Amino acid sequence: MSPKTRNIIGNVVFVLLIGLLIWPTSRSYFQQFLMKLGFFNPKLELVSATKESDRRAPETSFNHVSFVNSREETIKVADLKGKVVFINFWATWCAPCRAEMPSINVLYERYKDDPNMVFLIVEIEGDRAKAEAFMKEQQLTLPISFPNSDIPKEWLSGPIPSTVILDKAGKIATRHEGMADYSSPDVGKFMQDLINK
């Protein structure tokens, strides 16, 4: 093979790799591959009660928050006291959000029948058609919700995906910004510990 042919093949492969990383669907698959290798494990640590944000935001400050699910039912956070609540904020255009969804689906399947656990998978753009099409295309069983009120900045103040887990008292147990693998045993243990309290 001549040097010129090798250069052409090398350039074509390079352009294809860049294209795959830019194209959202391919990027999601690549990110899922990295998750399977052990990257992007969420660091779930209980929020300290002495943190300044907790002192400014008592548990009752989230009582006004509500969401609407795909069946047009209103879900009020105030009504979820006594349950552990897993809230994930995402959008259909967000490649890291799309990449972590299968791992969230694994966690959901593990706890969906537990009466002490609620999942709110909140598509922040409110694009029901795209959100439902994505779930169907990916064969995910996650219950989609949409904002029905302002989202507290204590829950979502930066990039998506962003995940908040509330304890049974309605307080933030932990918060994680960015893509993560929620199918890991550590996450399951964290959730079970909150359920058992």
N, C-alpha and C. Protein backbone atom coordinates (compact mmCIF):
# COMPACT_ATOMS: atom_id res chain seq x y z
N MET A 1 0.86 -1.18 0.00
CA MET A 1 0.00 0.00 0.00
C MET A 1 0.90 1.24 0.00
N SER A 2 0.60 2.16 -0.86
CA SER A 2 1.43 3.35 -0.99
C SER A 2 1.18 4.31 0.17
N PRO A 3 2.14 5.17 0.48
CA PRO A 3 1.96 6.17 1.55
C PRO A 3 0.75 7.08 1.30
N LYS A 4 0.51 7.41 0.02
CA LYS A 4 -0.63 8.27 -0.31
C LYS A 4 -1.94 7.58 0.05
N THR A 5 -2.07 6.27 -0.26
CA THR A 5 -3.27 5.50 0.06
C THR A 5 -3.46 5.40 1.57
N ARG A 6 -2.36 5.17 2.31
CA ARG A 6 -2.44 5.11 3.78
C ARG A 6 -2.92 6.43 4.36
N ASN A 7 -2.44 7.53 3.82
CA ASN A 7 -2.85 8.86 4.30
C ASN A 7 -4.35 9.07 4.05
N ILE A 8 -4.81 8.67 2.87
CA ILE A 8 -6.23 8.84 2.54
C ILE A 8 -7.08 7.99 3.48
N ILE A 9 -6.70 6.74 3.70
CA ILE A 9 -7.46 5.86 4.61
C ILE A 9 -7.43 6.42 6.03
N GLY A 10 -6.27 6.88 6.47
CA GLY A 10 -6.14 7.47 7.81
C GLY A 10 -7.03 8.68 7.98
N ASN A 11 -7.08 9.54 6.96
CA ASN A 11 -7.92 10.74 7.03
C ASN A 11 -9.40 10.39 7.05
N VAL A 12 -9.79 9.40 6.24
CA VAL A 12 -11.19 8.96 6.21
C VAL A 12 -11.60 8.40 7.56
N VAL A 13 -10.75 7.56 8.16
CA VAL A 13 -11.05 6.98 9.48
C VAL A 13 -11.14 8.08 10.53
N PHE A 14 -10.24 9.05 10.47
CA PHE A 14 -10.25 10.16 11.43
C PHE A 14 -11.56 10.96 11.32
N VAL A 15 -11.97 11.27 10.08
CA VAL A 15 -13.20 12.03 9.87
C VAL A 15 -14.41 11.22 10.35
N LEU A 16 -14.43 9.92 10.10
CA LEU A 16 -15.53 9.08 10.58
C LEU A 16 -15.60 9.07 12.10
N LEU A 17 -14.45 8.96 12.76
CA LEU A 17 -14.44 8.95 14.23
C LEU A 17 -14.94 10.28 14.79
N ILE A 18 -14.50 11.37 14.21
CA ILE A 18 -14.97 12.69 14.67
C ILE A 18 -16.49 12.78 14.45
N GLY A 19 -16.95 12.34 13.28
CA GLY A 19 -18.39 12.36 12.99
C GLY A 19 -19.19 11.56 13.99
N LEU A 20 -18.66 10.38 14.35
CA LEU A 20 -19.36 9.53 15.32
C LEU A 20 -19.44 10.19 16.69
N LEU A 21 -18.40 10.92 17.07
CA LEU A 21 -18.40 11.59 18.38
C LEU A 21 -19.31 12.81 18.39
N ILE A 22 -19.49 13.43 17.23
CA ILE A 22 -20.35 14.62 17.15
C ILE A 22 -21.82 14.22 17.04
N TRP A 23 -22.12 13.18 16.32
CA TRP A 23 -23.50 12.73 16.12
C TRP A 23 -24.06 12.25 17.46
N PRO A 24 -25.15 12.85 17.98
CA PRO A 24 -25.64 12.56 19.33
C PRO A 24 -25.88 11.09 19.63
N THR A 25 -26.48 10.36 18.69
CA THR A 25 -26.78 8.96 18.95
C THR A 25 -25.51 8.15 19.13
N SER A 26 -24.53 8.38 18.27
CA SER A 26 -23.26 7.66 18.38
C SER A 26 -22.54 8.04 19.67
N ARG A 27 -22.61 9.33 20.01
CA ARG A 27 -21.96 9.79 21.24
C ARG A 27 -22.58 9.11 22.45
N SER A 28 -23.89 8.91 22.42
CA SER A 28 -24.58 8.23 23.53
C SER A 28 -24.08 6.80 23.67
N TYR A 29 -23.95 6.10 22.54
CA TYR A 29 -23.45 4.73 22.58
C TYR A 29 -22.03 4.67 23.12
N PHE A 30 -21.20 5.62 22.71
CA PHE A 30 -19.82 5.68 23.19
C PHE A 30 -19.80 5.94 24.71
N GLN A 31 -20.65 6.86 25.16
CA GLN A 31 -20.72 7.17 26.60
C GLN A 31 -21.24 5.97 27.38
N GLN A 32 -22.20 5.24 26.82
CA GLN A 32 -22.69 4.03 27.50
C GLN A 32 -21.59 2.99 27.60
N PHE A 33 -20.78 2.88 26.56
CA PHE A 33 -19.64 1.96 26.58
C PHE A 33 -18.68 2.34 27.72
N LEU A 34 -18.40 3.62 27.87
CA LEU A 34 -17.52 4.07 28.95
C LEU A 34 -18.12 3.79 30.32
N MET A 35 -19.46 3.90 30.43
CA MET A 35 -20.12 3.58 31.71
C MET A 35 -19.93 2.11 32.05
N LYS A 36 -20.05 1.24 31.05
CA LYS A 36 -19.88 -0.20 31.28
C LYS A 36 -18.46 -0.53 31.72
N LEU A 37 -17.51 0.33 31.35
CA LEU A 37 -16.12 0.13 31.76
C LEU A 37 -15.86 0.63 33.18
N GLY A 38 -16.86 1.25 33.79
CA GLY A 38 -16.71 1.71 35.17
C GLY A 38 -16.52 3.20 35.32
N PHE A 39 -16.55 3.94 34.20
CA PHE A 39 -16.48 5.39 34.29
C PHE A 39 -17.85 5.93 34.62
N PHE A 40 -17.91 7.13 35.13
CA PHE A 40 -19.16 7.84 35.39
C PHE A 40 -20.01 7.22 36.49
N ASN A 41 -19.38 6.59 37.49
CA ASN A 41 -20.15 6.12 38.64
C ASN A 41 -20.48 7.33 39.50
N PRO A 42 -21.74 7.52 39.86
CA PRO A 42 -22.10 8.70 40.65
C PRO A 42 -21.55 8.59 42.07
N LYS A 43 -21.14 9.73 42.59
CA LYS A 43 -20.67 9.78 43.98
C LYS A 43 -21.87 10.21 44.82
N LEU A 44 -22.57 9.23 45.37
CA LEU A 44 -23.77 9.52 46.14
C LEU A 44 -23.42 9.57 47.62
N GLU A 45 -23.36 10.79 48.11
CA GLU A 45 -23.08 11.00 49.53
C GLU A 45 -24.24 11.75 50.13
N LEU A 46 -24.62 11.36 51.32
CA LEU A 46 -25.71 12.06 51.99
C LEU A 46 -25.35 13.51 52.21
N VAL A 47 -26.29 14.40 51.90
CA VAL A 47 -26.08 15.82 52.09
C VAL A 47 -26.05 16.11 53.58
N SER A 48 -25.06 16.84 54.01
CA SER A 48 -24.91 17.16 55.43
C SER A 48 -25.99 18.16 55.85
N ALA A 49 -26.57 17.94 57.00
CA ALA A 49 -27.62 18.83 57.52
C ALA A 49 -27.05 20.18 57.90
N THR A 50 -25.74 20.31 57.99
CA THR A 50 -25.13 21.58 58.38
C THR A 50 -24.77 22.44 57.19
N LYS A 51 -25.00 21.96 55.99
CA LYS A 51 -24.68 22.77 54.81
C LYS A 51 -25.56 24.01 54.78
N GLU A 52 -24.99 25.10 54.31
CA GLU A 52 -25.71 26.37 54.26
C GLU A 52 -26.97 26.27 53.41
N SER A 53 -26.90 25.53 52.28
CA SER A 53 -28.07 25.42 51.41
C SER A 53 -29.22 24.72 52.12
N ASP A 54 -28.91 23.77 53.01
CA ASP A 54 -29.97 23.08 53.76
C ASP A 54 -30.61 24.02 54.78
N ARG A 55 -29.79 24.89 55.40
CA ARG A 55 -30.35 25.82 56.38
C ARG A 55 -31.27 26.82 55.70
N ARG A 56 -30.95 27.20 54.45
CA ARG A 56 -31.77 28.16 53.72
C ARG A 56 -33.01 27.51 53.13
N ALA A 57 -32.98 26.19 52.97
CA ALA A 57 -34.09 25.52 52.28
C ALA A 57 -34.68 24.41 53.14
N PRO A 58 -35.57 24.78 54.07
CA PRO A 58 -36.20 23.74 54.88
C PRO A 58 -37.04 22.83 54.01
N GLU A 59 -37.35 21.65 54.53
CA GLU A 59 -38.05 20.64 53.74
C GLU A 59 -39.38 21.14 53.16
N THR A 60 -40.04 22.08 53.84
CA THR A 60 -41.32 22.57 53.35
C THR A 60 -41.17 23.47 52.13
N SER A 61 -39.94 23.93 51.81
CA SER A 61 -39.77 24.85 50.69
C SER A 61 -40.01 24.17 49.34
N PHE A 62 -40.06 22.85 49.30
CA PHE A 62 -40.28 22.13 48.05
C PHE A 62 -41.73 21.66 47.89
N ASN A 63 -42.59 22.00 48.86
CA ASN A 63 -43.97 21.52 48.83
C ASN A 63 -44.77 22.05 47.65
N HIS A 64 -44.39 23.20 47.11
CA HIS A 64 -45.13 23.80 45.99
C HIS A 64 -44.80 23.15 44.65
N VAL A 65 -43.73 22.36 44.58
CA VAL A 65 -43.27 21.79 43.32
C VAL A 65 -44.22 20.68 42.86
N SER A 66 -44.53 20.72 41.57
CA SER A 66 -45.37 19.66 41.02
C SER A 66 -44.95 19.35 39.58
N PHE A 67 -45.32 18.17 39.14
CA PHE A 67 -45.02 17.68 37.81
C PHE A 67 -46.29 17.09 37.21
N VAL A 68 -46.31 16.94 35.89
CA VAL A 68 -47.42 16.30 35.20
C VAL A 68 -46.85 15.11 34.46
N ASN A 69 -47.48 13.94 34.64
CA ASN A 69 -46.97 12.76 33.94
C ASN A 69 -47.63 12.63 32.58
N SER A 70 -47.25 11.60 31.84
CA SER A 70 -47.75 11.44 30.47
C SER A 70 -49.24 11.10 30.41
N ARG A 71 -49.84 10.76 31.57
CA ARG A 71 -51.29 10.50 31.62
C ARG A 71 -52.06 11.74 32.08
N GLU A 72 -51.34 12.90 32.09
CA GLU A 72 -51.94 14.18 32.49
C GLU A 72 -52.30 14.25 33.97
N GLU A 73 -51.69 13.38 34.78
CA GLU A 73 -51.92 13.41 36.24
C GLU A 73 -50.89 14.33 36.89
N THR A 74 -51.35 15.14 37.82
CA THR A 74 -50.46 16.04 38.55
C THR A 74 -49.83 15.30 39.72
N ILE A 75 -48.53 15.43 39.85
CA ILE A 75 -47.80 14.80 40.95
C ILE A 75 -47.21 15.92 41.80
N LYS A 76 -47.72 16.05 43.03
CA LYS A 76 -47.23 17.08 43.95
C LYS A 76 -46.17 16.48 44.86
N VAL A 77 -45.05 17.16 44.96
CA VAL A 77 -43.96 16.67 45.81
C VAL A 77 -44.42 16.56 47.26
N ALA A 78 -45.28 17.47 47.68
CA ALA A 78 -45.79 17.43 49.06
C ALA A 78 -46.51 16.12 49.36
N ASP A 79 -47.11 15.51 48.32
CA ASP A 79 -47.84 14.26 48.52
C ASP A 79 -46.93 13.03 48.54
N LEU A 80 -45.65 13.23 48.29
CA LEU A 80 -44.72 12.10 48.22
C LEU A 80 -43.94 11.86 49.51
N LYS A 81 -44.28 12.61 50.56
CA LYS A 81 -43.62 12.41 51.85
C LYS A 81 -43.82 10.96 52.30
N GLY A 82 -42.78 10.39 52.87
CA GLY A 82 -42.84 9.00 53.30
C GLY A 82 -42.29 8.06 52.23
N LYS A 83 -41.91 8.63 51.08
CA LYS A 83 -41.33 7.83 50.00
C LYS A 83 -39.97 8.40 49.62
N VAL A 84 -39.10 7.56 49.12
CA VAL A 84 -37.84 8.01 48.54
C VAL A 84 -38.15 8.39 47.09
N VAL A 85 -37.69 9.57 46.68
CA VAL A 85 -38.03 10.09 45.35
C VAL A 85 -36.75 10.29 44.53
N PHE A 86 -36.67 9.59 43.41
CA PHE A 86 -35.55 9.71 42.47
C PHE A 86 -36.02 10.63 41.35
N ILE A 87 -35.38 11.81 41.23
CA ILE A 87 -35.76 12.79 40.21
C ILE A 87 -34.58 12.98 39.27
N ASN A 88 -34.82 12.75 37.98
CA ASN A 88 -33.79 12.96 36.97
C ASN A 88 -34.28 14.01 35.99
N PHE A 89 -33.48 15.07 35.80
CA PHE A 89 -33.81 16.12 34.85
C PHE A 89 -33.02 15.89 33.56
N TRP A 90 -33.72 15.87 32.43
CA TRP A 90 -33.09 15.54 31.16
C TRP A 90 -33.81 16.24 30.02
N ALA A 91 -33.26 16.11 28.81
CA ALA A 91 -33.90 16.60 27.59
C ALA A 91 -33.54 15.65 26.45
N THR A 92 -34.38 15.59 25.46
CA THR A 92 -34.16 14.65 24.36
C THR A 92 -32.93 14.99 23.53
N TRP A 93 -32.54 16.26 23.48
CA TRP A 93 -31.39 16.68 22.68
C TRP A 93 -30.06 16.46 23.40
N CYS A 94 -30.09 16.09 24.66
CA CYS A 94 -28.90 15.98 25.51
C CYS A 94 -28.29 14.58 25.40
N ALA A 95 -27.13 14.46 24.74
CA ALA A 95 -26.50 13.15 24.54
C ALA A 95 -26.16 12.45 25.86
N PRO A 96 -25.56 13.14 26.86
CA PRO A 96 -25.30 12.45 28.14
C PRO A 96 -26.58 11.98 28.83
N CYS A 97 -27.67 12.75 28.67
CA CYS A 97 -28.96 12.34 29.25
C CYS A 97 -29.41 11.03 28.60
N ARG A 98 -29.32 10.99 27.29
CA ARG A 98 -29.73 9.81 26.54
C ARG A 98 -28.86 8.61 26.91
N ALA A 99 -27.58 8.87 27.13
CA ALA A 99 -26.65 7.78 27.43
C ALA A 99 -26.93 7.14 28.79
N GLU A 100 -27.35 7.93 29.78
CA GLU A 100 -27.56 7.37 31.11
C GLU A 100 -28.94 6.74 31.30
N MET A 101 -29.86 6.99 30.37
CA MET A 101 -31.23 6.48 30.53
C MET A 101 -31.32 4.96 30.70
N PRO A 102 -30.58 4.15 29.93
CA PRO A 102 -30.68 2.71 30.16
C PRO A 102 -30.29 2.29 31.57
N SER A 103 -29.31 2.99 32.17
CA SER A 103 -28.91 2.63 33.54
C SER A 103 -30.00 3.03 34.54
N ILE A 104 -30.67 4.15 34.28
CA ILE A 104 -31.78 4.56 35.15
C ILE A 104 -32.93 3.56 35.00
N ASN A 105 -33.12 3.07 33.80
CA ASN A 105 -34.18 2.08 33.56
C ASN A 105 -33.92 0.80 34.36
N VAL A 106 -32.65 0.40 34.47
CA VAL A 106 -32.30 -0.78 35.28
C VAL A 106 -32.69 -0.55 36.74
N LEU A 107 -32.35 0.64 37.26
CA LEU A 107 -32.71 0.98 38.64
C LEU A 107 -34.22 1.02 38.81
N TYR A 108 -34.91 1.61 37.84
CA TYR A 108 -36.37 1.69 37.90
C TYR A 108 -37.00 0.29 37.93
N GLU A 109 -36.54 -0.58 37.06
CA GLU A 109 -37.09 -1.95 37.02
C GLU A 109 -36.88 -2.66 38.35
N ARG A 110 -35.79 -2.35 39.03
CA ARG A 110 -35.49 -2.98 40.32
C ARG A 110 -36.45 -2.51 41.41
N TYR A 111 -36.89 -1.23 41.34
CA TYR A 111 -37.68 -0.65 42.43
C TYR A 111 -39.10 -0.23 42.04
N LYS A 112 -39.52 -0.46 40.82
CA LYS A 112 -40.81 0.07 40.36
C LYS A 112 -42.01 -0.44 41.16
N ASP A 113 -41.90 -1.62 41.76
CA ASP A 113 -43.02 -2.17 42.52
C ASP A 113 -42.91 -1.90 44.02
N ASP A 114 -41.87 -1.17 44.42
CA ASP A 114 -41.69 -0.84 45.84
C ASP A 114 -42.56 0.37 46.17
N PRO A 115 -43.52 0.23 47.09
CA PRO A 115 -44.41 1.35 47.40
C PRO A 115 -43.70 2.52 48.09
N ASN A 116 -42.47 2.29 48.55
CA ASN A 116 -41.71 3.35 49.23
C ASN A 116 -40.81 4.13 48.27
N MET A 117 -40.95 3.91 46.98
CA MET A 117 -40.05 4.50 45.99
C MET A 117 -40.85 5.11 44.84
N VAL A 118 -40.45 6.32 44.42
CA VAL A 118 -41.10 7.00 43.29
C VAL A 118 -40.01 7.50 42.35
N PHE A 119 -40.25 7.35 41.06
CA PHE A 119 -39.33 7.85 40.03
C PHE A 119 -40.01 8.97 39.25
N LEU A 120 -39.32 10.10 39.15
CA LEU A 120 -39.79 11.21 38.33
C LEU A 120 -38.69 11.48 37.29
N ILE A 121 -38.91 11.09 36.07
CA ILE A 121 -37.96 11.29 34.98
C ILE A 121 -38.48 12.50 34.21
N VAL A 122 -37.92 13.68 34.54
CA VAL A 122 -38.49 14.97 34.14
C VAL A 122 -37.81 15.51 32.88
N GLU A 123 -38.56 15.53 31.79
CA GLU A 123 -38.07 16.10 30.54
C GLU A 123 -38.32 17.60 30.61
N ILE A 124 -37.26 18.39 30.76
CA ILE A 124 -37.41 19.81 31.11
C ILE A 124 -37.92 20.69 29.98
N GLU A 125 -37.85 20.23 28.73
CA GLU A 125 -38.32 21.03 27.61
C GLU A 125 -39.83 20.93 27.42
N GLY A 126 -40.46 19.92 28.02
CA GLY A 126 -41.90 19.74 27.87
C GLY A 126 -42.30 19.21 26.51
N ASP A 127 -41.37 18.60 25.80
CA ASP A 127 -41.66 18.06 24.46
C ASP A 127 -42.12 16.61 24.60
N ARG A 128 -43.41 16.43 24.82
CA ARG A 128 -43.96 15.10 25.08
C ARG A 128 -43.75 14.14 23.92
N ALA A 129 -43.99 14.60 22.72
CA ALA A 129 -43.89 13.71 21.56
C ALA A 129 -42.47 13.17 21.42
N LYS A 130 -41.47 14.05 21.51
CA LYS A 130 -40.07 13.60 21.38
C LYS A 130 -39.67 12.70 22.53
N ALA A 131 -40.10 13.05 23.74
CA ALA A 131 -39.75 12.25 24.92
C ALA A 131 -40.34 10.84 24.81
N GLU A 132 -41.60 10.76 24.43
CA GLU A 132 -42.24 9.45 24.31
C GLU A 132 -41.65 8.65 23.15
N ALA A 133 -41.32 9.33 22.06
CA ALA A 133 -40.69 8.64 20.92
C ALA A 133 -39.33 8.08 21.32
N PHE A 134 -38.57 8.86 22.09
CA PHE A 134 -37.25 8.39 22.54
C PHE A 134 -37.39 7.15 23.42
N MET A 135 -38.31 7.18 24.38
CA MET A 135 -38.50 6.04 25.28
C MET A 135 -38.92 4.79 24.49
N LYS A 136 -39.80 4.99 23.52
CA LYS A 136 -40.26 3.85 22.72
C LYS A 136 -39.11 3.31 21.86
N GLU A 137 -38.38 4.21 21.22
CA GLU A 137 -37.26 3.81 20.36
C GLU A 137 -36.19 3.04 21.13
N GLN A 138 -35.93 3.46 22.37
CA GLN A 138 -34.91 2.83 23.20
C GLN A 138 -35.47 1.65 24.02
N GLN A 139 -36.76 1.40 23.91
CA GLN A 139 -37.44 0.33 24.65
C GLN A 139 -37.25 0.48 26.16
N LEU A 140 -37.45 1.71 26.64
CA LEU A 140 -37.34 2.03 28.05
C LEU A 140 -38.75 2.11 28.65
N THR A 141 -38.87 1.71 29.90
CA THR A 141 -40.18 1.70 30.56
C THR A 141 -40.32 2.83 31.59
N LEU A 142 -39.40 3.78 31.56
CA LEU A 142 -39.40 4.86 32.55
C LEU A 142 -40.64 5.75 32.43
N PRO A 143 -41.19 6.14 33.58
CA PRO A 143 -42.34 7.05 33.56
C PRO A 143 -41.87 8.49 33.33
N ILE A 144 -42.34 9.11 32.27
CA ILE A 144 -41.91 10.48 31.94
C ILE A 144 -42.81 11.47 32.65
N SER A 145 -42.18 12.54 33.16
CA SER A 145 -42.92 13.65 33.75
C SER A 145 -42.41 14.95 33.15
N PHE A 146 -43.19 16.01 33.36
CA PHE A 146 -42.84 17.31 32.83
C PHE A 146 -43.07 18.34 33.93
N PRO A 147 -42.29 19.43 33.95
CA PRO A 147 -42.47 20.44 35.00
C PRO A 147 -43.87 21.05 34.95
N ASN A 148 -44.44 21.23 36.14
CA ASN A 148 -45.76 21.87 36.27
C ASN A 148 -45.65 23.10 37.17
N SER A 149 -44.41 23.41 37.58
CA SER A 149 -44.12 24.56 38.42
C SER A 149 -42.64 24.88 38.22
N ASP A 150 -42.18 25.92 38.88
CA ASP A 150 -40.76 26.21 38.83
C ASP A 150 -39.99 25.07 39.50
N ILE A 151 -38.82 24.77 38.96
CA ILE A 151 -37.95 23.75 39.55
C ILE A 151 -37.01 24.46 40.51
N PRO A 152 -36.95 24.04 41.77
CA PRO A 152 -36.07 24.72 42.73
C PRO A 152 -34.62 24.70 42.28
N LYS A 153 -33.93 25.82 42.50
CA LYS A 153 -32.51 25.89 42.11
C LYS A 153 -31.67 24.92 42.92
N GLU A 154 -32.16 24.50 44.08
CA GLU A 154 -31.44 23.50 44.86
C GLU A 154 -31.45 22.14 44.16
N TRP A 155 -32.39 21.95 43.25
CA TRP A 155 -32.50 20.69 42.50
C TRP A 155 -31.82 20.79 41.15
N LEU A 156 -32.03 21.92 40.46
CA LEU A 156 -31.50 22.08 39.11
C LEU A 156 -31.01 23.51 38.95
N SER A 157 -29.71 23.68 38.96
CA SER A 157 -29.16 25.03 38.81
C SER A 157 -28.04 25.07 37.78
N GLY A 158 -27.73 23.93 37.19
CA GLY A 158 -26.64 23.88 36.24
C GLY A 158 -26.97 23.00 35.07
N PRO A 159 -26.00 22.20 34.65
CA PRO A 159 -26.19 21.39 33.45
C PRO A 159 -27.12 20.20 33.68
N ILE A 160 -27.59 19.66 32.57
CA ILE A 160 -28.31 18.39 32.61
C ILE A 160 -27.43 17.36 31.93
N PRO A 161 -27.58 16.10 32.25
CA PRO A 161 -28.52 15.56 33.22
C PRO A 161 -28.15 15.94 34.64
N SER A 162 -29.15 16.01 35.46
CA SER A 162 -28.96 16.29 36.87
C SER A 162 -29.96 15.43 37.64
N THR A 163 -29.49 14.82 38.71
CA THR A 163 -30.34 13.91 39.49
C THR A 163 -30.37 14.33 40.95
N VAL A 164 -31.57 14.32 41.50
CA VAL A 164 -31.77 14.62 42.92
C VAL A 164 -32.52 13.43 43.52
N ILE A 165 -32.08 13.01 44.70
CA ILE A 165 -32.80 11.96 45.42
C ILE A 165 -33.27 12.56 46.74
N LEU A 166 -34.58 12.50 46.96
CA LEU A 166 -35.17 13.02 48.20
C LEU A 166 -35.40 11.87 49.17
N ASP A 167 -35.15 12.14 50.45
CA ASP A 167 -35.42 11.11 51.45
C ASP A 167 -36.91 11.13 51.80
N LYS A 168 -37.30 10.29 52.72
CA LYS A 168 -38.72 10.16 53.07
C LYS A 168 -39.31 11.41 53.69
N ALA A 169 -38.44 12.28 54.23
CA ALA A 169 -38.92 13.53 54.82
C ALA A 169 -39.06 14.63 53.76
N GLY A 170 -38.68 14.33 52.52
CA GLY A 170 -38.76 15.32 51.45
C GLY A 170 -37.53 16.19 51.34
N LYS A 171 -36.48 15.85 52.08
CA LYS A 171 -35.22 16.61 52.02
C LYS A 171 -34.29 16.00 50.98
N ILE A 172 -33.39 16.82 50.47
CA ILE A 172 -32.41 16.32 49.51
C ILE A 172 -31.45 15.37 50.22
N ALA A 173 -31.47 14.11 49.80
CA ALA A 173 -30.53 13.13 50.35
C ALA A 173 -29.19 13.25 49.63
N THR A 174 -29.26 13.43 48.30
CA THR A 174 -28.06 13.63 47.50
C THR A 174 -28.44 14.27 46.19
N ARG A 175 -27.42 14.82 45.52
CA ARG A 175 -27.63 15.46 44.22
C ARG A 175 -26.40 15.19 43.36
N HIS A 176 -26.61 14.86 42.09
CA HIS A 176 -25.50 14.59 41.19
C HIS A 176 -25.74 15.30 39.86
N GLU A 177 -24.75 16.09 39.43
CA GLU A 177 -24.83 16.74 38.13
C GLU A 177 -23.97 15.99 37.15
N GLY A 178 -24.47 15.81 35.95
CA GLY A 178 -23.73 15.13 34.91
C GLY A 178 -24.18 13.68 34.75
N MET A 179 -23.67 13.07 33.70
CA MET A 179 -24.02 11.69 33.37
C MET A 179 -23.49 10.73 34.43
N ALA A 180 -24.25 9.68 34.69
CA ALA A 180 -23.82 8.68 35.67
C ALA A 180 -24.45 7.33 35.36
N ASP A 181 -23.82 6.29 35.88
CA ASP A 181 -24.34 4.93 35.74
C ASP A 181 -25.12 4.60 37.00
N TYR A 182 -26.45 4.61 36.90
CA TYR A 182 -27.31 4.35 38.06
C TYR A 182 -27.66 2.88 38.22
N SER A 183 -27.07 2.03 37.40
CA SER A 183 -27.35 0.59 37.52
C SER A 183 -26.36 -0.11 38.43
N SER A 184 -25.40 0.62 38.98
CA SER A 184 -24.35 -0.02 39.79
C SER A 184 -24.90 -0.47 41.15
N PRO A 185 -24.30 -1.50 41.74
CA PRO A 185 -24.73 -1.98 43.05
C PRO A 185 -24.65 -0.91 44.14
N ASP A 186 -23.68 0.01 44.03
CA ASP A 186 -23.55 1.07 45.04
C ASP A 186 -24.79 1.97 45.07
N VAL A 187 -25.34 2.25 43.89
CA VAL A 187 -26.54 3.08 43.83
C VAL A 187 -27.72 2.31 44.44
N GLY A 188 -27.83 1.03 44.11
CA GLY A 188 -28.89 0.21 44.70
C GLY A 188 -28.83 0.19 46.21
N LYS A 189 -27.61 0.07 46.75
CA LYS A 189 -27.43 0.05 48.21
C LYS A 189 -27.82 1.40 48.81
N PHE A 190 -27.42 2.48 48.15
CA PHE A 190 -27.76 3.82 48.63
C PHE A 190 -29.29 3.98 48.69
N MET A 191 -29.97 3.56 47.62
CA MET A 191 -31.43 3.68 47.58
C MET A 191 -32.09 2.81 48.66
N GLN A 192 -31.59 1.58 48.80
CA GLN A 192 -32.17 0.67 49.80
C GLN A 192 -31.98 1.18 51.20
N ASP A 193 -30.82 1.79 51.48
CA ASP A 193 -30.58 2.38 52.81
C ASP A 193 -31.58 3.48 53.10
N LEU A 194 -31.88 4.31 52.08
CA LEU A 194 -32.86 5.39 52.27
C LEU A 194 -34.26 4.82 52.50
N ILE A 195 -34.59 3.78 51.76
CA ILE A 195 -35.91 3.14 51.91
C ILE A 195 -36.06 2.52 53.30
N ASN A 196 -34.99 1.94 53.80
CA ASN A 196 -35.04 1.26 55.10
C ASN A 196 -35.07 2.20 56.29
N LYS A 197 -34.77 3.48 56.09
CA LYS A 197 -34.75 4.43 57.22
C LYS A 197 -36.16 4.75 57.68
